Amino acid sequence: MGGIAKAKLVVPMDVHMGRLCRILGFHNDKTISLSTALKVTRAFAQIVPGAPVKYDFALSRIGILEDCHGQPCPACRSCELRYICAK
């Protein structure tokens, strides 16, 4: 079966993913661009080299549902990222 290798995919960036990845220290860009997506993809590739987009959905959901803004709040106590968050 053909297709694109998972390792070649780029992490899709939206406002939630961009904000969360900034909070996690994967980029410092003020605006989201292809350059930002490539930086984030390289950061994830260090964690999961064969599938850098593996956790995209899970992280996007945290950014959306928890409305994470990088400031301590009650939701932080149950957040799965609380130990690695750069806040």
Protein backbone atom coordinates (compact mmCIF):
# COMPACT_ATOMS: atom_id res chain seq x y z
CA MET A 1 0.00 0.00 0.00
CA GLY A 2 1.34 3.45 -0.94
CA GLY A 3 0.91 6.69 0.86
CA ILE A 4 2.93 9.10 2.87
CA ALA A 5 5.13 7.82 5.66
CA LYS A 6 4.00 8.96 9.13
CA ALA A 7 7.48 10.35 9.76
CA LYS A 8 6.99 12.80 6.85
CA LEU A 9 3.76 14.35 8.19
CA VAL A 10 3.69 17.87 9.62
CA VAL A 11 1.79 18.67 12.81
CA PRO A 12 -1.33 20.67 11.86
CA MET A 13 -1.43 23.95 13.70
CA ASP A 14 -4.47 25.87 14.86
CA VAL A 15 -4.86 28.45 17.59
CA HIS A 16 -5.23 25.78 20.31
CA MET A 17 -2.30 23.65 19.20
CA GLY A 18 -0.14 26.74 18.67
CA ARG A 19 -0.90 28.06 22.16
CA LEU A 20 -0.38 24.71 23.87
CA CYS A 21 2.88 24.03 22.04
CA ARG A 22 4.11 27.51 23.01
CA ILE A 23 3.22 26.77 26.66
CA LEU A 24 5.11 23.46 26.40
CA GLY A 25 8.15 25.29 25.04
CA PHE A 26 8.10 23.86 21.49
CA HIS A 27 8.13 27.33 19.88
CA ASN A 28 8.14 31.04 20.75
CA ASP A 29 6.53 32.40 17.59
CA LYS A 30 3.99 35.21 17.97
CA THR A 31 2.03 34.08 14.92
CA ILE A 32 1.40 30.56 13.66
CA SER A 33 2.94 29.73 10.30
CA LEU A 34 4.41 26.84 8.36
CA SER A 35 7.70 27.61 10.10
CA THR A 36 5.95 27.12 13.47
CA ALA A 37 4.43 23.83 12.32
CA LEU A 38 7.86 22.60 11.25
CA LYS A 39 9.42 23.59 14.61
CA VAL A 40 6.68 21.76 16.50
CA THR A 41 6.99 18.74 14.20
CA ARG A 42 10.74 18.58 14.88
CA ALA A 43 10.07 18.77 18.63
CA PHE A 44 7.57 15.91 18.44
CA ALA A 45 9.93 13.92 16.20
CA GLN A 46 12.43 13.93 19.07
CA ILE A 47 9.79 12.22 21.20
CA VAL A 48 8.26 9.89 18.57
CA PRO A 49 10.59 9.84 15.53
CA GLY A 50 8.40 7.57 13.41
CA ALA A 51 5.14 9.45 14.00
CA PRO A 52 5.56 13.11 15.03
CA VAL A 53 1.83 13.81 14.68
CA LYS A 54 0.83 10.93 16.98
CA TYR A 55 -0.38 13.12 19.85
CA ASP A 56 -1.87 15.98 17.82
CA PHE A 57 -5.50 15.15 18.59
CA ALA A 58 -4.91 14.54 22.30
CA LEU A 59 -3.03 17.82 22.73
CA SER A 60 -5.54 19.78 20.69
CA ARG A 61 -8.33 18.48 22.92
CA ILE A 62 -6.48 19.64 26.05
CA GLY A 63 -6.07 23.07 24.51
CA ILE A 64 -9.75 23.23 23.58
CA LEU A 65 -11.49 21.52 26.49
CA GLU A 66 -9.29 22.77 29.30
CA ASP A 67 -8.98 26.21 27.66
CA CYS A 68 -5.32 26.19 28.68
CA HIS A 69 -3.66 29.61 28.62
CA GLY A 70 -0.44 28.75 30.38
CA GLN A 71 -1.50 30.19 33.71
CA PRO A 72 -2.14 28.06 36.79
CA CYS A 73 -5.83 27.29 37.26
CA PRO A 74 -7.97 24.59 38.94
CA ALA A 75 -7.89 22.45 35.77
CA CYS A 76 -4.09 22.12 36.10
CA ARG A 77 -4.46 19.67 39.00
CA SER A 78 -5.96 17.04 36.69
CA CYS A 79 -4.09 17.96 33.49
CA GLU A 80 -1.91 15.19 32.11
CA LEU A 81 0.70 17.77 31.08
CA ARG A 82 1.12 19.38 34.52
CA TYR A 83 4.57 17.88 35.06
CA ILE A 84 6.04 19.05 31.77
CA CYS A 85 4.21 22.35 31.35
CA ALA A 86 6.63 25.27 31.01
CA LYS A 87 4.32 27.73 32.84
